[in-house]
Amino acid sequence: MSSFNMPPTGFGPGSQPGDEDADLAFMALPSGMRTYSTHLPEIENAEPFAAALTLLERVAEACAQGSGLFDLGDLDAPNRRLIAETLGQGEVAMRLRGVPALMVQESVFAGVWAVAGAGIDRLEVGPVPQAALTRAFAPFRPALKASGHRPQGVVNAPALLAELVEKSSTWRPEEEPHVVNLTLLPHTEEDLLWLDRMLGEGAVTILSRGYGNCRITATALPQVWRVQFFNSMDSLILDTFEVTTMPQVALAAPEDLTDSAARIREVLEAIR
């Protein structure tokens, strides 16, 4: 018998695939970021649109000051169309349940929001529309109190719920947001379903399309939001709960408002 032994399978030169054989699959990252681009309405004579242009001047001033509220109900149809065409549609949209139900669309000028509902047609200037704050945690689907019984498959959700309830009751506006990152924590599908039932659902849903998609949903537990980031393939890449007044991703920063004031004035100058 020969004393020569064959090397174990899977070891040695040629046992591993080379670069030409590799077929690596990476999760697609967010793409298609929305960026600001100037749009100038085409009008031959600015005189019939004096009301719209005056209102835009006031909106620019409100952006510089940080807040403002403007009713569009008194504008005639041509002036209203000019306002809509000039403002366009930006990154953030909101649905607000309540009476009346409201649809909110951020314009291409960050911090300038179009708010529409039954009998309501207005512009709001600020980090976020006021109704999104006052209505957020009004229960559309009420939060439940956890009982001693746990459905099969629920493992870590009770501990997460206890943390969120404690932070909800003690959080103050001057504090930094408290984030529970589900993506980094062990959990089961049953955990997520149980948490969803326990936390309920509030009155505000937000979609931000700045870089990929971010979906923000108010729970029925005060100050607790579900914040989910999706890539361009609509695959969930980050799943969190945030305890805060409003998640930062939905807010227009002071710098955004200052920038919007300058851009609106540039558009007005070009139109005139």
C-alpha atoms as a PDB file:
ATOM      1  CA  MET A   1       0.000   0.000   0.000  1.00  0.00           C
ATOM      2  CA  SER A   2       1.181   3.502  -0.810  1.00  0.00           C
ATOM      3  CA  SER A   3       1.899   5.851   2.062  1.00  0.00           C
ATOM      4  CA  PHE A   4       0.751   8.811  -0.088  1.00  0.00           C
ATOM      5  CA  ASN A   5      -2.441  10.432   1.194  1.00  0.00           C
ATOM      6  CA  MET A   6      -4.640  12.691  -0.917  1.00  0.00           C
ATOM      7  CA  PRO A   7      -5.238  16.153   0.593  1.00  0.00           C
ATOM      8  CA  PRO A   8      -8.726  16.827   1.970  1.00  0.00           C
ATOM      9  CA  THR A   9     -11.274  18.119  -0.522  1.00  0.00           C
ATOM     10  CA  GLY A  10     -11.621  21.907  -0.455  1.00  0.00           C
ATOM     11  CA  PHE A  11      -7.987  22.717   0.314  1.00  0.00           C
ATOM     12  CA  GLY A  12      -5.081  23.731  -1.878  1.00  0.00           C
ATOM     13  CA  PRO A  13      -4.662  25.702  -5.108  1.00  0.00           C
ATOM     14  CA  GLY A  14      -7.684  25.648  -7.410  1.00  0.00           C
ATOM     15  CA  SER A  15     -10.102  24.503  -4.721  1.00  0.00           C
ATOM     16  CA  GLN A  16     -11.711  27.949  -4.321  1.00  0.00           C
ATOM     17  CA  PRO A  17     -13.458  29.918  -7.078  1.00  0.00           C
ATOM     18  CA  GLY A  18     -11.409  32.633  -8.715  1.00  0.00           C
ATOM     19  CA  ASP A  19     -12.578  36.170  -9.358  1.00  0.00           C
ATOM     20  CA  GLU A  20     -13.941  35.152 -12.727  1.00  0.00           C
ATOM     21  CA  ASP A  21     -16.078  32.476 -11.074  1.00  0.00           C
ATOM     22  CA  ALA A  22     -17.386  34.613  -8.233  1.00  0.00           C
ATOM     23  CA  ASP A  23     -20.992  35.683  -8.358  1.00  0.00           C
ATOM     24  CA  LEU A  24     -21.374  38.050  -5.437  1.00  0.00           C
ATOM     25  CA  ALA A  25     -24.798  39.556  -4.746  1.00  0.00           C
ATOM     26  CA  PHE A  26     -24.909  42.782  -2.782  1.00  0.00           C
ATOM     27  CA  MET A  27     -28.053  44.414  -1.442  1.00  0.00           C
ATOM     28  CA  ALA A  28     -28.949  47.370  -3.617  1.00  0.00           C
ATOM     29  CA  LEU A  29     -28.300  50.691  -1.915  1.00  0.00           C
ATOM     30  CA  PRO A  30     -30.687  53.641  -2.151  1.00  0.00           C
ATOM     31  CA  SER A  31     -30.390  55.493  -5.428  1.00  0.00           C
ATOM     32  CA  GLY A  32     -32.106  58.205  -7.427  1.00  0.00           C
ATOM     33  CA  MET A  33     -31.774  60.971  -4.855  1.00  0.00           C
ATOM     34  CA  ARG A  34     -34.207  63.842  -5.469  1.00  0.00           C
ATOM     35  CA  THR A  35     -32.432  67.175  -5.781  1.00  0.00           C
ATOM     36  CA  TYR A  36     -33.663  70.736  -6.178  1.00  0.00           C
ATOM     37  CA  SER A  37     -33.878  72.139  -9.688  1.00  0.00           C
ATOM     38  CA  THR A  38     -35.246  75.575 -10.527  1.00  0.00           C
ATOM     39  CA  HIS A  39     -38.565  75.591 -12.388  1.00  0.00           C
ATOM     40  CA  LEU A  40     -39.829  78.884 -13.803  1.00  0.00           C
ATOM     41  CA  PRO A  41     -43.514  79.137 -14.776  1.00  0.00           C
ATOM     42  CA  GLU A  42     -43.993  80.418 -18.307  1.00  0.00           C
ATOM     43  CA  ILE A  43     -46.103  83.569 -18.223  1.00  0.00           C
ATOM     44  CA  GLU A  44     -46.071  86.357 -20.789  1.00  0.00           C
ATOM     45  CA  ASN A  45     -47.551  89.059 -18.575  1.00  0.00           C
ATOM     46  CA  ALA A  46     -47.021  89.084 -14.802  1.00  0.00           C
ATOM     47  CA  GLU A  47     -49.709  91.703 -14.125  1.00  0.00           C
ATOM     48  CA  PRO A  48     -52.703  89.275 -13.873  1.00  0.00           C
ATOM     49  CA  PHE A  49     -50.702  87.212 -11.391  1.00  0.00           C
ATOM     50  CA  ALA A  50     -49.965  90.021  -8.953  1.00  0.00           C
ATOM     51  CA  ALA A  51     -51.850  88.257  -6.128  1.00  0.00           C
ATOM     52  CA  ALA A  52     -49.822  85.046  -6.516  1.00  0.00           C
ATOM     53  CA  LEU A  53     -46.513  86.903  -6.745  1.00  0.00           C
ATOM     54  CA  THR A  54     -47.331  88.979  -3.678  1.00  0.00           C
ATOM     55  CA  LEU A  55     -48.194  85.828  -1.755  1.00  0.00           C
ATOM     56  CA  LEU A  56     -44.903  84.204  -2.803  1.00  0.00           C
ATOM     57  CA  GLU A  57     -43.061  87.275  -1.505  1.00  0.00           C
ATOM     58  CA  ARG A  58     -44.792  86.802   1.840  1.00  0.00           C
ATOM     59  CA  VAL A  59     -43.923  83.095   1.819  1.00  0.00           C
ATOM     60  CA  ALA A  60     -40.253  83.929   1.212  1.00  0.00           C
ATOM     61  CA  GLU A  61     -40.321  86.359   4.136  1.00  0.00           C
ATOM     62  CA  ALA A  62     -41.954  83.695   6.334  1.00  0.00           C
ATOM     63  CA  CYS A  63     -39.191  81.234   5.375  1.00  0.00           C
ATOM     64  CA  ALA A  64     -36.592  83.782   6.476  1.00  0.00           C
ATOM     65  CA  GLN A  65     -38.427  84.208   9.799  1.00  0.00           C
ATOM     66  CA  GLY A  66     -39.065  80.470  10.271  1.00  0.00           C
ATOM     67  CA  SER A  67     -42.875  80.212  10.244  1.00  0.00           C
ATOM     68  CA  GLY A  68     -46.034  81.410   8.532  1.00  0.00           C
ATOM     69  CA  LEU A  69     -49.573  80.466   7.493  1.00  0.00           C
ATOM     70  CA  PHE A  70     -51.267  81.501   4.240  1.00  0.00           C
ATOM     71  CA  ASP A  71     -54.821  80.821   3.076  1.00  0.00           C
ATOM     72  CA  LEU A  72     -55.129  80.142  -0.668  1.00  0.00           C
ATOM     73  CA  GLY A  73     -58.917  80.179  -0.754  1.00  0.00           C
ATOM     74  CA  ASP A  74     -59.157  83.785  -1.988  1.00  0.00           C
ATOM     75  CA  LEU A  75     -56.977  83.241  -5.075  1.00  0.00           C
ATOM     76  CA  ASP A  76     -58.633  82.808  -8.456  1.00  0.00           C
ATOM     77  CA  ALA A  77     -57.885  79.711 -10.528  1.00  0.00           C
ATOM     78  CA  PRO A  78     -55.021  81.167 -12.657  1.00  0.00           C
ATOM     79  CA  ASN A  79     -53.207  82.537  -9.600  1.00  0.00           C
ATOM     80  CA  ARG A  80     -53.752  79.252  -7.758  1.00  0.00           C
ATOM     81  CA  ARG A  81     -52.276  77.321 -10.685  1.00  0.00           C
ATOM     82  CA  LEU A  82     -49.235  79.605 -10.732  1.00  0.00           C
ATOM     83  CA  ILE A  83     -48.659  78.975  -7.021  1.00  0.00           C
ATOM     84  CA  ALA A  84     -48.936  75.196  -7.540  1.00  0.00           C
ATOM     85  CA  GLU A  85     -46.619  75.231 -10.559  1.00  0.00           C
ATOM     86  CA  THR A  86     -44.017  77.371  -8.801  1.00  0.00           C
ATOM     87  CA  LEU A  87     -43.993  75.332  -5.600  1.00  0.00           C
ATOM     88  CA  GLY A  88     -44.019  71.882  -7.247  1.00  0.00           C
ATOM     89  CA  GLN A  89     -43.738  68.725  -5.147  1.00  0.00           C
ATOM     90  CA  GLY A  90     -40.846  68.013  -2.823  1.00  0.00           C
ATOM     91  CA  GLU A  91     -39.620  65.003  -0.861  1.00  0.00           C
ATOM     92  CA  VAL A  92     -42.122  64.649   1.981  1.00  0.00           C
ATOM     93  CA  ALA A  93     -45.839  63.793   1.883  1.00  0.00           C
ATOM     94  CA  MET A  94     -48.163  63.221   4.843  1.00  0.00           C
ATOM     95  CA  ARG A  95     -51.589  61.796   5.506  1.00  0.00           C
ATOM     96  CA  LEU A  96     -53.323  63.114   8.614  1.00  0.00           C
ATOM     97  CA  ARG A  97     -56.427  61.355   9.899  1.00  0.00           C
ATOM     98  CA  GLY A  98     -59.027  63.317  11.817  1.00  0.00           C
ATOM     99  CA  VAL A  99     -61.756  65.847  11.081  1.00  0.00           C
ATOM    100  CA  PRO A 100     -61.131  67.039   8.523  1.00  0.00           C
ATOM    101  CA  ALA A 101     -58.671  64.557   7.087  1.00  0.00           C
ATOM    102  CA  LEU A 102     -55.663  66.372   5.625  1.00  0.00           C
ATOM    103  CA  MET A 103     -53.192  65.685   2.854  1.00  0.00           C
ATOM    104  CA  VAL A 104     -49.856  67.451   3.163  1.00  0.00           C
ATOM    105  CA  GLN A 105     -47.248  67.832   0.421  1.00  0.00           C
ATOM    106  CA  GLU A 106     -43.932  69.562   0.887  1.00  0.00           C
ATOM    107  CA  SER A 107     -42.995  71.859  -2.000  1.00  0.00           C
ATOM    108  CA  VAL A 108     -39.625  71.852  -3.757  1.00  0.00           C
ATOM    109  CA  PHE A 109     -38.781  74.608  -1.282  1.00  0.00           C
ATOM    110  CA  ALA A 110     -38.051  72.735   1.947  1.00  0.00           C
ATOM    111  CA  GLY A 111     -40.248  73.868   4.819  1.00  0.00           C
ATOM    112  CA  VAL A 112     -43.065  75.165   2.578  1.00  0.00           C
ATOM    113  CA  TRP A 113     -46.033  72.799   2.928  1.00  0.00           C
ATOM    114  CA  ALA A 114     -49.290  72.628   0.958  1.00  0.00           C
ATOM    115  CA  VAL A 115     -52.121  71.496   3.254  1.00  0.00           C
ATOM    116  CA  ALA A 116     -55.458  70.432   1.741  1.00  0.00           C
ATOM    117  CA  GLY A 117     -58.674  69.024   3.161  1.00  0.00           C
ATOM    118  CA  ALA A 118     -62.419  69.648   3.262  1.00  0.00           C
ATOM    119  CA  GLY A 119     -62.691  73.449   3.341  1.00  0.00           C
ATOM    120  CA  ILE A 120     -58.914  73.827   3.779  1.00  0.00           C
ATOM    121  CA  ASP A 121     -56.442  75.027   1.162  1.00  0.00           C
ATOM    122  CA  ARG A 122     -53.395  76.694   2.657  1.00  0.00           C
ATOM    123  CA  LEU A 123     -49.630  76.962   2.786  1.00  0.00           C
ATOM    124  CA  GLU A 124     -47.691  76.490   5.998  1.00  0.00           C
ATOM    125  CA  VAL A 125     -44.091  77.506   6.515  1.00  0.00           C
ATOM    126  CA  GLY A 126     -42.105  75.798   9.246  1.00  0.00           C
ATOM    127  CA  PRO A 127     -40.193  72.650  10.148  1.00  0.00           C
ATOM    128  CA  VAL A 128     -43.421  70.618   9.922  1.00  0.00           C
ATOM    129  CA  PRO A 129     -47.160  71.443   9.674  1.00  0.00           C
ATOM    130  CA  GLN A 130     -48.634  72.089  13.107  1.00  0.00           C
ATOM    131  CA  ALA A 131     -51.442  69.558  12.632  1.00  0.00           C
ATOM    132  CA  ALA A 132     -48.870  66.778  12.179  1.00  0.00           C
ATOM    133  CA  LEU A 133     -47.744  67.457  15.749  1.00  0.00           C
ATOM    134  CA  THR A 134     -51.110  67.982  17.397  1.00  0.00           C
ATOM    135  CA  ARG A 135     -52.816  64.985  15.743  1.00  0.00           C
ATOM    136  CA  ALA A 136     -49.923  62.533  15.644  1.00  0.00           C
ATOM    137  CA  PHE A 137     -50.806  60.187  18.499  1.00  0.00           C
ATOM    138  CA  ALA A 138     -54.590  60.425  18.381  1.00  0.00           C
ATOM    139  CA  PRO A 139     -55.423  56.699  18.277  1.00  0.00           C
ATOM    140  CA  PHE A 140     -56.716  55.439  14.959  1.00  0.00           C
ATOM    141  CA  ARG A 141     -56.064  51.938  16.324  1.00  0.00           C
ATOM    142  CA  PRO A 142     -55.679  52.139  20.132  1.00  0.00           C
ATOM    143  CA  ALA A 143     -52.648  50.822  21.973  1.00  0.00           C
ATOM    144  CA  LEU A 144     -53.256  47.725  24.109  1.00  0.00           C
ATOM    145  CA  LYS A 145     -51.989  46.752  27.524  1.00  0.00           C
ATOM    146  CA  ALA A 146     -49.821  43.658  27.499  1.00  0.00           C
ATOM    147  CA  SER A 147     -51.329  40.736  29.390  1.00  0.00           C
ATOM    148  CA  GLY A 148     -49.425  37.868  30.923  1.00  0.00           C
ATOM    149  CA  HIS A 149     -50.229  35.652  27.929  1.00  0.00           C
ATOM    150  CA  ARG A 150     -47.689  35.662  25.111  1.00  0.00           C
ATOM    151  CA  PRO A 151     -48.546  34.231  21.706  1.00  0.00           C
ATOM    152  CA  GLN A 152     -46.268  31.500  20.461  1.00  0.00           C
ATOM    153  CA  GLY A 153     -43.117  32.918  18.873  1.00  0.00           C
ATOM    154  CA  VAL A 154     -43.086  36.153  20.884  1.00  0.00           C
ATOM    155  CA  VAL A 155     -39.652  36.286  22.512  1.00  0.00           C
ATOM    156  CA  ASN A 156     -38.074  39.732  22.874  1.00  0.00           C
ATOM    157  CA  ALA A 157     -41.053  42.000  22.138  1.00  0.00           C
ATOM    158  CA  PRO A 158     -42.224  42.364  25.787  1.00  0.00           C
ATOM    159  CA  ALA A 159     -38.847  43.771  26.832  1.00  0.00           C
ATOM    160  CA  LEU A 160     -38.854  46.206  23.889  1.00  0.00           C
ATOM    161  CA  LEU A 161     -42.407  47.276  24.707  1.00  0.00           C
ATOM    162  CA  ALA A 162     -41.482  47.930  28.342  1.00  0.00           C
ATOM    163  CA  GLU A 163     -38.571  50.104  27.189  1.00  0.00           C
ATOM    164  CA  LEU A 164     -40.767  52.107  24.804  1.00  0.00           C
ATOM    165  CA  VAL A 165     -43.523  52.600  27.373  1.00  0.00           C
ATOM    166  CA  GLU A 166     -41.006  53.830  29.964  1.00  0.00           C
ATOM    167  CA  LYS A 167     -39.341  56.237  27.521  1.00  0.00           C
ATOM    168  CA  SER A 168     -42.722  57.471  26.288  1.00  0.00           C
ATOM    169  CA  SER A 169     -43.796  58.419  29.810  1.00  0.00           C
ATOM    170  CA  THR A 170     -40.540  60.135  30.797  1.00  0.00           C
ATOM    171  CA  TRP A 171     -39.347  61.753  27.535  1.00  0.00           C
ATOM    172  CA  ARG A 172     -39.081  65.555  27.426  1.00  0.00           C
ATOM    173  CA  PRO A 173     -38.862  67.789  24.317  1.00  0.00           C
ATOM    174  CA  GLU A 174     -35.381  69.015  25.231  1.00  0.00           C
ATOM    175  CA  GLU A 175     -34.009  65.460  25.200  1.00  0.00           C
ATOM    176  CA  GLU A 176     -32.382  63.692  22.267  1.00  0.00           C
ATOM    177  CA  PRO A 177     -34.570  61.108  20.479  1.00  0.00           C
ATOM    178  CA  HIS A 178     -34.433  57.632  21.969  1.00  0.00           C
ATOM    179  CA  VAL A 179     -33.970  55.049  19.201  1.00  0.00           C
ATOM    180  CA  VAL A 180     -34.640  51.305  19.346  1.00  0.00           C
ATOM    181  CA  ASN A 181     -32.968  49.754  16.310  1.00  0.00           C
ATOM    182  CA  LEU A 182     -34.842  46.576  15.430  1.00  0.00           C
ATOM    183  CA  THR A 183     -32.398  45.853  12.604  1.00  0.00           C
ATOM    184  CA  LEU A 184     -29.618  45.221  15.146  1.00  0.00           C
ATOM    185  CA  LEU A 185     -31.731  43.376  17.719  1.00  0.00           C
ATOM    186  CA  PRO A 186     -32.790  39.715  17.643  1.00  0.00           C
ATOM    187  CA  HIS A 187     -36.507  39.358  17.059  1.00  0.00           C
ATOM    188  CA  THR A 188     -39.042  37.109  15.386  1.00  0.00           C
ATOM    189  CA  GLU A 189     -41.833  37.942  12.973  1.00  0.00           C
ATOM    190  CA  GLU A 190     -44.250  37.248  15.814  1.00  0.00           C
ATOM    191  CA  ASP A 191     -42.406  39.837  17.923  1.00  0.00           C
ATOM    192  CA  LEU A 192     -43.069  42.531  15.313  1.00  0.00           C
ATOM    193  CA  LEU A 193     -46.734  41.597  14.912  1.00  0.00           C
ATOM    194  CA  TRP A 194     -47.245  41.614  18.687  1.00  0.00           C
ATOM    195  CA  LEU A 195     -45.514  44.996  19.045  1.00  0.00           C
ATOM    196  CA  ASP A 196     -47.689  46.424  16.298  1.00  0.00           C
ATOM    197  CA  ARG A 197     -50.843  45.314  18.119  1.00  0.00           C
ATOM    198  CA  MET A 198     -49.635  46.596  21.495  1.00  0.00           C
ATOM    199  CA  LEU A 199     -48.505  50.011  20.223  1.00  0.00           C
ATOM    200  CA  GLY A 200     -51.539  50.637  18.025  1.00  0.00           C
ATOM    201  CA  GLU A 201     -51.557  53.271  15.292  1.00  0.00           C
ATOM    202  CA  GLY A 202     -51.774  57.032  15.483  1.00  0.00           C
ATOM    203  CA  ALA A 203     -53.208  59.560  13.052  1.00  0.00           C
ATOM    204  CA  VAL A 204     -50.138  60.542  11.023  1.00  0.00           C
ATOM    205  CA  THR A 205     -48.329  58.666   8.246  1.00  0.00           C
ATOM    206  CA  ILE A 206     -45.336  60.223   6.475  1.00  0.00           C
ATOM    207  CA  LEU A 207     -43.377  59.266   3.373  1.00  0.00           C
ATOM    208  CA  SER A 208     -40.012  60.879   2.688  1.00  0.00           C
ATOM    209  CA  ARG A 209     -38.485  60.188  -0.731  1.00  0.00           C
ATOM    210  CA  GLY A 210     -35.177  61.999  -0.385  1.00  0.00           C
ATOM    211  CA  TYR A 211     -32.812  59.010  -0.844  1.00  0.00           C
ATOM    212  CA  GLY A 212     -34.659  55.757  -1.212  1.00  0.00           C
ATOM    213  CA  ASN A 213     -37.894  55.814   0.807  1.00  0.00           C
ATOM    214  CA  CYS A 214     -38.465  56.471   4.476  1.00  0.00           C
ATOM    215  CA  ARG A 215     -41.863  55.554   5.911  1.00  0.00           C
ATOM    216  CA  ILE A 216     -42.794  57.062   9.248  1.00  0.00           C
ATOM    217  CA  THR A 217     -45.873  56.031  11.192  1.00  0.00           C
ATOM    218  CA  ALA A 218     -47.106  57.438  14.481  1.00  0.00           C
ATOM    219  CA  THR A 219     -48.132  54.828  17.028  1.00  0.00           C
ATOM    220  CA  ALA A 220     -50.931  55.352  19.544  1.00  0.00           C
ATOM    221  CA  LEU A 221     -48.305  55.551  22.317  1.00  0.00           C
ATOM    222  CA  PRO A 222     -47.335  59.218  22.807  1.00  0.00           C
ATOM    223  CA  GLN A 223     -43.978  60.234  21.292  1.00  0.00           C
ATOM    224  CA  VAL A 224     -43.359  56.774  19.744  1.00  0.00           C
ATOM    225  CA  TRP A 225     -42.843  56.553  15.966  1.00  0.00           C
ATOM    226  CA  ARG A 226     -42.034  53.617  13.665  1.00  0.00           C
ATOM    227  CA  VAL A 227     -39.342  54.732  11.193  1.00  0.00           C
ATOM    228  CA  GLN A 228     -38.440  52.394   8.315  1.00  0.00           C
ATOM    229  CA  PHE A 229     -35.890  53.012   5.565  1.00  0.00           C
ATOM    230  CA  PHE A 230     -36.148  51.202   2.223  1.00  0.00           C
ATOM    231  CA  ASN A 231     -33.695  51.074  -0.663  1.00  0.00           C
ATOM    232  CA  SER A 232     -34.563  51.672  -4.311  1.00  0.00           C
ATOM    233  CA  MET A 233     -35.695  48.028  -4.598  1.00  0.00           C
ATOM    234  CA  ASP A 234     -38.164  48.685  -1.738  1.00  0.00           C
ATOM    235  CA  SER A 235     -36.230  46.290   0.531  1.00  0.00           C
ATOM    236  CA  LEU A 236     -36.223  47.198   4.214  1.00  0.00           C
ATOM    237  CA  ILE A 237     -32.689  48.193   5.247  1.00  0.00           C
ATOM    238  CA  LEU A 238     -33.288  49.927   8.592  1.00  0.00           C
ATOM    239  CA  ASP A 239     -36.199  49.427  10.977  1.00  0.00           C
ATOM    240  CA  THR A 240     -36.448  51.531  14.136  1.00  0.00           C
ATOM    241  CA  PHE A 241     -38.717  52.972  16.781  1.00  0.00           C
ATOM    242  CA  GLU A 242     -38.022  56.581  17.744  1.00  0.00           C
ATOM    243  CA  VAL A 243     -39.262  58.269  20.895  1.00  0.00           C
ATOM    244  CA  THR A 244     -39.446  61.953  19.982  1.00  0.00           C
ATOM    245  CA  THR A 245     -41.889  64.713  19.061  1.00  0.00           C
ATOM    246  CA  MET A 246     -41.216  64.244  15.327  1.00  0.00           C
ATOM    247  CA  PRO A 247     -38.469  62.168  13.651  1.00  0.00           C
ATOM    248  CA  GLN A 248     -35.672  64.335  12.319  1.00  0.00           C
ATOM    249  CA  VAL A 249     -35.973  62.936   8.797  1.00  0.00           C
ATOM    250  CA  ALA A 250     -39.416  64.558   8.409  1.00  0.00           C
ATOM    251  CA  LEU A 251     -38.353  68.028   9.585  1.00  0.00           C
ATOM    252  CA  ALA A 252     -37.135  70.989   7.574  1.00  0.00           C
ATOM    253  CA  ALA A 253     -34.033  72.372   9.266  1.00  0.00           C
ATOM    254  CA  PRO A 254     -33.535  76.128   9.887  1.00  0.00           C
ATOM    255  CA  GLU A 255     -30.880  76.090   7.162  1.00  0.00           C
ATOM    256  CA  ASP A 256     -33.447  74.598   4.751  1.00  0.00           C
ATOM    257  CA  LEU A 257     -35.887  77.429   5.445  1.00  0.00           C
ATOM    258  CA  THR A 258     -33.208  80.074   4.916  1.00  0.00           C
ATOM    259  CA  ASP A 259     -32.254  78.422   1.639  1.00  0.00           C
ATOM    260  CA  SER A 260     -35.913  78.265   0.560  1.00  0.00           C
ATOM    261  CA  ALA A 261     -36.332  82.000   1.170  1.00  0.00           C
ATOM    262  CA  ALA A 262     -33.418  82.762  -1.153  1.00  0.00           C
ATOM    263  CA  ARG A 263     -34.642  80.360  -3.854  1.00  0.00           C
ATOM    264  CA  ILE A 264     -38.197  81.710  -3.876  1.00  0.00           C
ATOM    265  CA  ARG A 265     -36.840  85.232  -4.292  1.00  0.00           C
ATOM    266  CA  GLU A 266     -34.684  84.076  -7.179  1.00  0.00           C
ATOM    267  CA  VAL A 267     -37.741  82.587  -8.911  1.00  0.00           C
ATOM    268  CA  LEU A 268     -39.765  85.767  -8.330  1.00  0.00           C
ATOM    269  CA  GLU A 269     -37.001  87.885  -9.796  1.00  0.00           C
ATOM    270  CA  ALA A 270     -36.801  85.656 -12.870  1.00  0.00           C
ATOM    271  CA  ILE A 271     -40.596  85.713 -13.411  1.00  0.00           C
ATOM    272  CA  ARG A 272     -40.711  89.482 -13.242  1.00  0.00           C
END
